Protein backbone atom coordinates (compact mmCIF):
# COMPACT_ATOMS: atom_id res chain seq x y z
CA MET A 1 128.85 111.04 116.48
CA LYS A 2 127.64 107.39 116.65
CA ASN A 3 124.36 108.13 115.22
CA ASN A 4 126.09 109.02 112.23
CA LYS A 5 128.65 106.15 112.37
CA VAL A 6 125.23 103.84 112.18
CA SER A 7 123.33 105.79 109.67
CA LYS A 8 126.48 105.25 107.63
CA VAL A 9 126.55 101.69 108.13
CA PHE A 10 122.73 101.78 107.07
CA ASN A 11 122.82 103.57 104.14
CA SER A 12 125.88 100.97 102.95
CA ILE A 13 123.89 98.05 103.74
CA LEU A 14 120.79 99.76 101.95
CA SER A 15 122.93 100.52 99.22
CA GLY A 16 124.71 97.42 98.77
CA ILE A 17 120.73 95.78 98.75
CA VAL A 18 120.87 98.35 95.66
CA TRP A 19 123.46 97.21 93.69
CA ALA A 20 123.09 93.34 94.24
CA PHE A 21 119.13 93.84 92.77
CA GLY A 22 120.26 95.99 90.39
CA ALA A 23 123.50 92.83 89.53
CA PHE A 24 120.17 90.42 89.48
CA ILE A 25 117.80 92.30 86.80
CA LEU A 26 120.74 92.60 84.96
CA ALA A 27 121.64 88.67 85.66
CA MET A 28 118.31 87.79 84.35
CA ILE A 29 118.59 90.34 81.11
CA ILE A 30 121.97 88.84 80.26
CA SER A 31 120.42 85.37 80.74
CA LYS A 32 117.40 86.09 78.52
CA VAL A 33 119.72 87.42 75.97
CA THR A 34 122.19 85.45 75.73
CA LEU A 35 123.29 81.29 76.29
CA TYR A 36 124.65 81.81 79.54
CA SER A 37 122.76 80.57 82.58
CA PHE A 38 121.59 82.86 85.30
CA ASN A 39 123.38 81.68 88.12
CA ASP A 40 126.73 82.19 85.84
CA VAL A 41 125.67 85.32 85.87
CA PHE A 42 124.55 86.72 88.74
CA PHE A 43 127.59 84.36 90.25
CA VAL A 44 130.60 86.56 87.38
CA GLU A 45 128.58 89.64 88.60
CA GLY A 46 129.13 88.28 92.17
CA LEU A 47 132.68 88.38 91.65
CA ILE A 48 133.48 91.50 89.95
CA LEU A 49 131.09 93.35 92.68
CA LEU A 50 133.40 91.71 95.64
CA GLY A 51 136.85 92.20 93.31
CA ILE A 52 136.09 95.89 92.23
CA GLY A 53 134.73 97.04 96.30
CA VAL A 54 138.39 95.09 97.96
CA LEU A 55 140.76 96.69 95.50
CA SER A 56 139.02 100.37 95.06
CA SER A 57 139.48 100.06 99.41
CA ILE A 58 143.66 99.74 99.54
CA SER A 59 144.80 101.63 98.95
CA GLU A 60 148.91 103.21 100.18
CA GLU A 61 150.64 105.38 101.88
CA GLU A 62 153.13 107.41 101.55
CA LEU A 63 155.61 104.56 100.51
CA CYS A 64 155.28 104.72 97.30
CA GLY A 65 154.94 108.25 96.85
CA SER A 66 158.33 108.56 97.48
CA LEU A 67 159.60 105.18 95.40
CA ARG A 68 158.15 106.86 92.57
CA GLY A 69 160.10 110.35 93.28
CA ILE A 70 163.47 108.88 93.13
CA GLY A 71 164.47 109.20 89.82
CA GLY A 72 167.06 106.50 89.65
CA LEU A 73 167.26 103.18 90.92
CA ASN A 74 169.28 103.85 94.70
CA TYR A 75 168.98 100.09 95.89
CA GLN A 76 169.56 100.71 99.25
CA TYR A 77 167.36 103.12 99.60
CA ILE A 78 164.79 101.33 98.02
CA SER A 79 165.80 98.46 100.84
CA ASN A 80 165.95 100.74 103.58
CA GLU A 81 162.07 102.58 103.17
CA LEU A 82 161.08 99.45 102.55
CA GLN A 83 162.21 98.17 105.82
CA ASN A 84 161.00 101.26 107.67
CA ALA A 85 157.92 100.71 106.07
CA ARG A 86 157.34 96.61 107.60
CA ASN A 87 158.64 97.63 110.47
CA GLU A 88 155.93 100.67 110.98
CA ASN A 89 153.15 98.41 109.34
CA ARG A 90 152.16 101.41 106.86
CA ILE A 91 152.88 99.70 103.63
CA ILE A 92 148.37 98.57 102.75
CA THR A 93 146.14 100.60 104.10
CA LEU A 94 142.36 99.54 103.89
CA ASN A 95 139.87 102.61 103.64
CA THR A 96 135.74 101.76 104.44
CA GLU A 97 134.66 104.64 102.41
CA SER A 98 130.88 103.43 101.74
CA ILE A 99 131.35 102.85 97.61
CA ASN A 100 133.22 100.12 99.07
CA MET A 101 131.93 98.70 101.20
CA GLU A 102 128.68 99.10 98.66
CA LEU A 103 129.49 97.35 96.53
CA ILE A 104 131.36 94.61 98.51
CA ILE A 105 128.23 93.86 100.89
CA ALA A 106 126.69 93.61 97.19
CA GLY A 107 129.06 90.49 96.06
CA VAL A 108 128.33 88.96 99.48
CA LEU A 109 124.75 89.52 99.37
CA SER A 110 125.18 87.95 95.54
CA PHE A 111 126.67 85.07 96.43
CA LEU A 112 124.15 84.66 99.54
CA ILE A 113 121.36 84.60 97.12
CA LEU A 114 122.89 82.23 94.58
CA ILE A 115 123.95 79.80 98.16
CA PHE A 116 120.17 80.48 99.33
């Protein structure tokens, strides 16, 4: 079990490096074709990778599914559901799938490359 988790982390880091390298190459091409500087393009690509990674790792639980099935506006029911969700801390969870972590790692690596 431990080797499986270590291999997943290693694969995520390796894939994140590949994503960052691809963003680096794409930034070089875009900076040659357009008038934008390499640092600006690479920074925006890093923001995009980091944003997509973080936003895709956020998941909802049964709260929103139950609110969608109401069909009408029942404010007391919605209020009770929100209060129960707050009490149980089940509104938002972070999912650590490999593709999400790869994109987050690639975004962070892009920022680190720009800093150093």
